[in-house]
């Protein structure tokens, strides 16, 4: 099935494995709030156990260096994409309020990006991640 929208997570390639996973998880949680249409319906197994809803479409995960992340960030903002952000400073905080304060303290073009989550029209997301390779 081809969706009109696209979800992309871009993580800086030089991070430690645990950091890549942490950043991806945080960004995915942000994307879940991008639109009422992002999430599918809750799951239920054959025994009647209920499970949380997942994204209704695939999530494409890309790797980038710092320059690639910065370029993707600029393109995402210029296209008005719903964007989740994770910065290096957030690794040193322990709660949401401090995370938001760490991002708020830095101008957009000076953010030290560890990762981005993008959601929006397929063509716009494709243009924002242009040149990036899928995470391997």
N, C-alpha and C. Protein backbone atom coordinates (compact mmCIF):
# COMPACT_ATOMS: atom_id res chain seq x y z
N UNK A 1 0.84 -1.18 0.00
CA UNK A 1 0.00 0.00 0.00
C UNK A 1 0.89 1.25 0.00
N UNK A 2 0.57 2.20 -0.81
CA UNK A 2 1.33 3.46 -0.88
C UNK A 2 0.53 4.55 -0.18
N UNK A 3 1.15 5.20 0.78
CA UNK A 3 0.51 6.26 1.54
C UNK A 3 0.83 7.61 0.92
N UNK A 4 -0.06 8.57 1.13
CA UNK A 4 0.18 9.94 0.67
C UNK A 4 1.18 10.66 1.57
N UNK A 5 1.37 10.12 2.78
CA UNK A 5 2.29 10.71 3.75
C UNK A 5 3.47 9.77 3.95
N UNK A 6 4.48 10.29 4.67
CA UNK A 6 5.67 9.49 4.93
C UNK A 6 6.21 9.83 6.31
N UNK A 7 6.74 8.81 6.97
CA UNK A 7 7.42 8.98 8.25
C UNK A 7 8.89 8.65 8.03
N UNK A 8 9.76 9.55 8.48
CA UNK A 8 11.20 9.31 8.38
C UNK A 8 11.85 9.68 9.70
N UNK A 9 12.79 8.85 10.13
CA UNK A 9 13.63 9.14 11.29
C UNK A 9 15.06 9.20 10.78
N UNK A 10 15.75 10.26 11.12
CA UNK A 10 17.14 10.45 10.70
C UNK A 10 17.99 10.55 11.96
N UNK A 11 18.99 9.66 12.06
CA UNK A 11 19.84 9.62 13.25
C UNK A 11 21.29 9.81 12.83
N UNK A 12 22.01 10.58 13.63
CA UNK A 12 23.42 10.84 13.33
C UNK A 12 24.22 9.54 13.43
N UNK A 13 24.97 9.25 12.40
CA UNK A 13 25.66 7.96 12.26
C UNK A 13 26.76 7.73 13.28
N UNK A 14 27.35 8.79 13.85
CA UNK A 14 28.48 8.60 14.76
C UNK A 14 28.07 8.37 16.22
N UNK A 15 26.79 8.27 16.50
CA UNK A 15 26.34 8.02 17.87
C UNK A 15 26.60 6.58 18.28
N UNK A 16 26.71 6.34 19.57
CA UNK A 16 26.81 4.97 20.10
C UNK A 16 25.48 4.26 19.82
N UNK A 17 25.53 2.94 19.71
CA UNK A 17 24.32 2.18 19.39
C UNK A 17 23.18 2.48 20.35
N UNK A 18 23.46 2.55 21.66
CA UNK A 18 22.39 2.82 22.62
C UNK A 18 21.79 4.19 22.38
N UNK A 19 22.62 5.16 21.97
CA UNK A 19 22.13 6.50 21.69
C UNK A 19 21.23 6.50 20.46
N UNK A 20 21.63 5.77 19.42
CA UNK A 20 20.81 5.69 18.20
C UNK A 20 19.43 5.12 18.52
N UNK A 21 19.39 4.07 19.34
CA UNK A 21 18.11 3.47 19.71
C UNK A 21 17.28 4.43 20.55
N UNK A 22 17.92 5.10 21.50
CA UNK A 22 17.24 6.05 22.37
C UNK A 22 16.65 7.20 21.56
N UNK A 23 17.45 7.77 20.68
CA UNK A 23 17.00 8.88 19.83
C UNK A 23 15.84 8.43 18.96
N UNK A 24 15.95 7.27 18.35
CA UNK A 24 14.88 6.76 17.48
C UNK A 24 13.58 6.60 18.25
N UNK A 25 13.66 6.03 19.46
CA UNK A 25 12.46 5.84 20.27
C UNK A 25 11.81 7.18 20.63
N UNK A 26 12.62 8.14 21.05
CA UNK A 26 12.06 9.45 21.40
C UNK A 26 11.43 10.13 20.18
N UNK A 27 12.11 10.07 19.05
CA UNK A 27 11.58 10.72 17.85
C UNK A 27 10.29 10.07 17.39
N UNK A 28 10.22 8.74 17.47
CA UNK A 28 8.99 8.04 17.08
C UNK A 28 7.82 8.45 17.97
N UNK A 29 8.10 8.67 19.25
CA UNK A 29 7.02 9.09 20.15
C UNK A 29 6.54 10.49 19.77
N UNK A 30 7.43 11.33 19.29
CA UNK A 30 7.03 12.65 18.82
C UNK A 30 6.20 12.59 17.57
N UNK A 31 6.61 11.76 16.64
CA UNK A 31 5.88 11.60 15.38
C UNK A 31 4.46 11.11 15.64
N UNK A 32 4.28 10.31 16.67
CA UNK A 32 2.94 9.79 16.99
C UNK A 32 1.93 10.91 17.22
N UNK A 33 2.41 12.10 17.55
CA UNK A 33 1.52 13.23 17.81
C UNK A 33 1.45 14.22 16.66
N UNK A 34 2.04 13.90 15.53
CA UNK A 34 2.07 14.83 14.40
C UNK A 34 0.69 15.07 13.81
N UNK A 35 -0.16 14.07 13.85
CA UNK A 35 -1.48 14.16 13.24
C UNK A 35 -2.35 13.05 13.83
N UNK A 36 -3.65 13.27 13.81
CA UNK A 36 -4.57 12.23 14.28
C UNK A 36 -4.51 10.99 13.38
N UNK A 37 -3.96 11.14 12.18
CA UNK A 37 -3.93 10.03 11.22
C UNK A 37 -2.66 9.20 11.28
N UNK A 38 -1.68 9.58 12.11
CA UNK A 38 -0.41 8.86 12.17
C UNK A 38 -0.60 7.45 12.71
N UNK A 39 -1.40 7.34 13.75
CA UNK A 39 -1.53 6.06 14.44
C UNK A 39 -2.68 5.23 13.87
N UNK A 40 -2.45 3.92 13.84
CA UNK A 40 -3.49 2.99 13.43
C UNK A 40 -4.39 2.66 14.61
N UNK A 41 -5.06 1.55 14.51
CA UNK A 41 -5.97 1.09 15.56
C UNK A 41 -5.22 0.18 16.53
N UNK A 42 -5.71 0.07 17.78
CA UNK A 42 -5.08 -0.86 18.73
C UNK A 42 -5.11 -2.29 18.21
N UNK A 43 -4.19 -3.10 18.70
CA UNK A 43 -4.08 -4.51 18.31
C UNK A 43 -4.74 -5.38 19.37
N UNK A 44 -5.15 -6.57 18.94
CA UNK A 44 -5.67 -7.58 19.85
C UNK A 44 -5.23 -8.94 19.32
N UNK A 45 -4.70 -9.77 20.21
CA UNK A 45 -4.31 -11.11 19.76
C UNK A 45 -5.50 -12.06 19.87
N UNK A 46 -5.29 -13.29 19.42
CA UNK A 46 -6.35 -14.29 19.42
C UNK A 46 -6.84 -14.68 20.80
N UNK A 47 -6.11 -14.34 21.84
CA UNK A 47 -6.52 -14.65 23.22
C UNK A 47 -7.25 -13.49 23.87
N UNK A 48 -7.42 -12.41 23.14
CA UNK A 48 -8.14 -11.26 23.67
C UNK A 48 -7.28 -10.24 24.39
N UNK A 49 -5.95 -10.41 24.36
CA UNK A 49 -5.06 -9.43 24.97
C UNK A 49 -4.97 -8.20 24.08
N UNK A 50 -5.07 -7.02 24.70
CA UNK A 50 -5.04 -5.77 23.95
C UNK A 50 -3.63 -5.20 23.94
N UNK A 51 -3.27 -4.57 22.82
CA UNK A 51 -1.95 -3.95 22.64
C UNK A 51 -2.14 -2.54 22.10
N UNK A 52 -1.15 -1.71 22.35
CA UNK A 52 -1.21 -0.32 21.90
C UNK A 52 -1.22 -0.22 20.37
N UNK A 53 -1.79 0.84 19.87
CA UNK A 53 -1.77 1.13 18.44
C UNK A 53 -0.35 1.47 18.01
N UNK A 54 -0.03 1.13 16.77
CA UNK A 54 1.26 1.46 16.16
C UNK A 54 1.03 2.43 15.01
N UNK A 55 2.10 2.99 14.50
CA UNK A 55 1.99 3.85 13.32
C UNK A 55 1.31 3.07 12.20
N UNK A 56 0.49 3.73 11.44
CA UNK A 56 -0.27 3.04 10.40
C UNK A 56 0.54 2.80 9.13
N UNK A 57 1.72 3.40 9.06
CA UNK A 57 2.55 3.24 7.87
C UNK A 57 3.99 2.97 8.27
N UNK A 58 4.80 2.48 7.35
CA UNK A 58 6.20 2.18 7.68
C UNK A 58 6.97 3.42 8.13
N UNK A 59 7.97 3.20 8.95
CA UNK A 59 8.88 4.26 9.39
C UNK A 59 10.23 3.98 8.73
N UNK A 60 10.69 4.89 7.89
CA UNK A 60 11.97 4.73 7.23
C UNK A 60 13.05 5.39 8.07
N UNK A 61 14.11 4.65 8.36
CA UNK A 61 15.18 5.13 9.23
C UNK A 61 16.44 5.40 8.40
N UNK A 62 16.93 6.62 8.49
CA UNK A 62 18.09 7.06 7.73
C UNK A 62 19.25 7.39 8.67
N UNK A 63 20.46 7.29 8.16
CA UNK A 63 21.67 7.71 8.87
C UNK A 63 22.22 8.95 8.17
N UNK A 64 22.80 9.84 8.95
CA UNK A 64 23.38 11.06 8.38
C UNK A 64 24.54 11.51 9.26
N UNK A 65 25.46 12.26 8.66
CA UNK A 65 26.47 12.93 9.47
C UNK A 65 25.87 14.25 9.95
N UNK A 66 26.62 15.02 10.72
CA UNK A 66 26.10 16.26 11.29
C UNK A 66 25.65 17.23 10.20
N UNK A 67 26.42 17.34 9.12
CA UNK A 67 26.04 18.24 8.03
C UNK A 67 24.76 17.78 7.33
N UNK A 68 24.63 16.47 7.14
CA UNK A 68 23.42 15.93 6.52
C UNK A 68 22.19 16.17 7.38
N UNK A 69 22.34 16.02 8.69
CA UNK A 69 21.23 16.31 9.61
C UNK A 69 20.85 17.79 9.55
N UNK A 70 21.84 18.66 9.54
CA UNK A 70 21.57 20.10 9.50
C UNK A 70 20.83 20.46 8.20
N UNK A 71 21.26 19.90 7.09
CA UNK A 71 20.60 20.18 5.81
C UNK A 71 19.17 19.64 5.81
N UNK A 72 18.98 18.44 6.35
CA UNK A 72 17.64 17.85 6.44
C UNK A 72 16.75 18.71 7.32
N UNK A 73 17.30 19.21 8.42
CA UNK A 73 16.56 20.07 9.33
C UNK A 73 16.10 21.35 8.62
N UNK A 74 17.00 21.99 7.90
CA UNK A 74 16.65 23.22 7.16
C UNK A 74 15.54 22.93 6.13
N UNK A 75 15.70 21.83 5.38
CA UNK A 75 14.70 21.50 4.36
C UNK A 75 13.35 21.16 4.98
N UNK A 76 13.37 20.44 6.11
CA UNK A 76 12.11 20.07 6.78
C UNK A 76 11.37 21.32 7.27
N UNK A 77 12.10 22.22 7.90
CA UNK A 77 11.48 23.45 8.39
C UNK A 77 10.96 24.31 7.24
N UNK A 78 11.73 24.39 6.15
CA UNK A 78 11.29 25.23 5.02
C UNK A 78 10.06 24.66 4.33
N UNK A 79 9.83 23.36 4.48
CA UNK A 79 8.66 22.71 3.87
C UNK A 79 7.49 22.61 4.84
N UNK A 80 7.67 23.07 6.07
CA UNK A 80 6.60 23.04 7.05
C UNK A 80 6.24 21.64 7.53
N UNK A 81 7.21 20.72 7.48
CA UNK A 81 6.94 19.35 7.92
C UNK A 81 6.81 19.29 9.44
N UNK A 82 5.96 18.40 9.91
CA UNK A 82 5.92 18.11 11.35
C UNK A 82 7.27 17.48 11.69
N UNK A 83 8.00 18.10 12.62
CA UNK A 83 9.37 17.69 12.89
C UNK A 83 9.58 17.48 14.39
N UNK A 84 10.13 16.33 14.73
CA UNK A 84 10.57 16.06 16.10
C UNK A 84 12.09 16.21 16.11
N UNK A 85 12.63 16.73 17.20
CA UNK A 85 14.06 17.02 17.27
C UNK A 85 14.65 16.38 18.52
N UNK A 86 15.89 15.89 18.38
CA UNK A 86 16.65 15.40 19.53
C UNK A 86 18.05 15.96 19.38
N UNK A 87 18.52 16.65 20.42
CA UNK A 87 19.84 17.28 20.38
C UNK A 87 20.80 16.57 21.34
N UNK A 88 22.08 16.80 21.14
CA UNK A 88 23.09 16.20 22.02
C UNK A 88 22.88 16.58 23.48
N UNK A 89 22.45 17.81 23.72
CA UNK A 89 22.25 18.27 25.09
C UNK A 89 21.20 17.44 25.83
N UNK A 90 20.29 16.85 25.12
CA UNK A 90 19.22 16.07 25.74
C UNK A 90 19.74 14.78 26.36
N UNK A 91 20.92 14.30 25.94
CA UNK A 91 21.49 13.11 26.55
C UNK A 91 21.85 13.36 28.02
N UNK A 92 22.08 14.62 28.39
CA UNK A 92 22.51 14.95 29.74
C UNK A 92 21.36 15.32 30.66
N UNK A 93 20.14 15.34 30.16
CA UNK A 93 18.99 15.70 30.98
C UNK A 93 18.27 14.44 31.43
N UNK A 94 17.36 14.61 32.34
CA UNK A 94 16.65 13.44 32.84
C UNK A 94 15.14 13.57 32.81
N UNK A 95 14.64 14.62 32.15
CA UNK A 95 13.18 14.79 32.11
C UNK A 95 12.78 15.69 30.96
N UNK A 96 11.50 15.68 30.68
CA UNK A 96 10.95 16.41 29.54
C UNK A 96 11.14 17.91 29.66
N UNK A 97 10.94 18.45 30.84
CA UNK A 97 11.08 19.90 31.02
C UNK A 97 12.50 20.36 30.71
N UNK A 98 13.50 19.61 31.19
CA UNK A 98 14.89 19.97 30.90
C UNK A 98 15.22 19.77 29.42
N UNK A 99 14.64 18.74 28.80
CA UNK A 99 14.85 18.52 27.37
C UNK A 99 14.34 19.73 26.57
N UNK A 100 13.12 20.17 26.88
CA UNK A 100 12.55 21.32 26.17
C UNK A 100 13.36 22.58 26.41
N UNK A 101 13.84 22.75 27.64
CA UNK A 101 14.66 23.93 27.96
C UNK A 101 15.98 23.90 27.18
N UNK A 102 16.57 22.71 27.03
CA UNK A 102 17.83 22.57 26.30
C UNK A 102 17.65 22.96 24.83
N UNK A 103 16.54 22.59 24.24
CA UNK A 103 16.27 22.94 22.84
C UNK A 103 15.95 24.43 22.73
N UNK A 104 15.14 24.94 23.63
CA UNK A 104 14.72 26.34 23.59
C UNK A 104 15.90 27.30 23.73
N UNK A 105 16.97 26.86 24.37
CA UNK A 105 18.12 27.72 24.64
C UNK A 105 19.01 27.95 23.41
N UNK A 106 18.74 27.26 22.31
CA UNK A 106 19.63 27.31 21.14
C UNK A 106 18.82 27.68 19.89
N UNK A 107 19.34 28.61 19.09
CA UNK A 107 18.69 28.96 17.83
C UNK A 107 18.71 27.77 16.88
N UNK A 108 17.71 27.70 16.01
CA UNK A 108 17.52 26.54 15.14
C UNK A 108 18.77 26.15 14.36
N UNK A 109 19.46 27.13 13.78
CA UNK A 109 20.62 26.81 12.94
C UNK A 109 21.87 26.45 13.75
N UNK A 110 21.78 26.52 15.07
CA UNK A 110 22.92 26.18 15.92
C UNK A 110 22.67 24.92 16.76
N UNK A 111 21.52 24.27 16.58
CA UNK A 111 21.23 23.05 17.32
C UNK A 111 22.25 21.97 16.98
N UNK A 112 22.73 21.25 17.99
CA UNK A 112 23.62 20.11 17.78
C UNK A 112 22.73 18.88 17.67
N UNK A 113 22.34 18.57 16.46
CA UNK A 113 21.32 17.54 16.22
C UNK A 113 21.87 16.13 16.36
N UNK A 114 21.15 15.32 17.12
CA UNK A 114 21.43 13.88 17.19
C UNK A 114 20.45 13.13 16.29
N UNK A 115 19.28 13.72 16.07
CA UNK A 115 18.30 13.07 15.20
C UNK A 115 17.09 13.94 14.96
N UNK A 116 16.35 13.56 13.93
CA UNK A 116 15.12 14.23 13.53
C UNK A 116 14.06 13.19 13.20
N UNK A 117 12.83 13.51 13.51
CA UNK A 117 11.69 12.72 13.05
C UNK A 117 10.85 13.61 12.17
N UNK A 118 10.46 13.10 11.01
CA UNK A 118 9.70 13.90 10.04
C UNK A 118 8.42 13.20 9.66
N UNK A 119 7.36 13.98 9.49
CA UNK A 119 6.09 13.45 9.02
C UNK A 119 5.44 14.49 8.13
N UNK A 120 4.91 14.04 7.02
CA UNK A 120 4.20 14.95 6.14
C UNK A 120 3.95 14.34 4.79
N UNK A 121 3.58 15.17 3.83
CA UNK A 121 3.34 14.67 2.48
C UNK A 121 4.57 13.94 1.95
N UNK A 122 4.33 12.80 1.31
CA UNK A 122 5.41 11.94 0.82
C UNK A 122 6.47 12.71 0.06
N UNK A 123 6.07 13.53 -0.90
CA UNK A 123 7.05 14.26 -1.72
C UNK A 123 7.88 15.23 -0.91
N UNK A 124 7.27 15.88 0.07
CA UNK A 124 8.00 16.84 0.89
C UNK A 124 9.02 16.13 1.78
N UNK A 125 8.63 15.00 2.36
CA UNK A 125 9.58 14.24 3.19
C UNK A 125 10.71 13.70 2.30
N UNK A 126 10.37 13.19 1.12
CA UNK A 126 11.40 12.70 0.21
C UNK A 126 12.42 13.79 -0.12
N UNK A 127 11.95 15.01 -0.34
CA UNK A 127 12.86 16.12 -0.64
C UNK A 127 13.71 16.50 0.57
N UNK A 128 13.13 16.40 1.76
CA UNK A 128 13.88 16.75 2.97
C UNK A 128 15.01 15.76 3.24
N UNK A 129 14.80 14.48 2.95
CA UNK A 129 15.82 13.46 3.22
C UNK A 129 16.66 13.13 1.99
N UNK A 130 16.52 13.93 0.95
CA UNK A 130 17.24 13.69 -0.31
C UNK A 130 18.75 13.53 -0.05
N UNK A 131 19.31 12.48 -0.61
CA UNK A 131 20.73 12.23 -0.50
C UNK A 131 21.13 11.36 0.68
N UNK A 132 20.21 11.13 1.62
CA UNK A 132 20.54 10.30 2.78
C UNK A 132 20.37 8.82 2.45
N UNK A 133 21.13 7.98 3.12
CA UNK A 133 21.03 6.53 2.95
C UNK A 133 20.21 5.94 4.09
N UNK A 134 19.47 4.89 3.78
CA UNK A 134 18.76 4.18 4.83
C UNK A 134 19.76 3.65 5.84
N UNK A 135 19.37 3.66 7.11
CA UNK A 135 20.26 3.16 8.17
C UNK A 135 20.53 1.69 7.93
N UNK A 136 21.81 1.30 8.05
CA UNK A 136 22.16 -0.08 7.73
C UNK A 136 22.50 -0.95 8.88
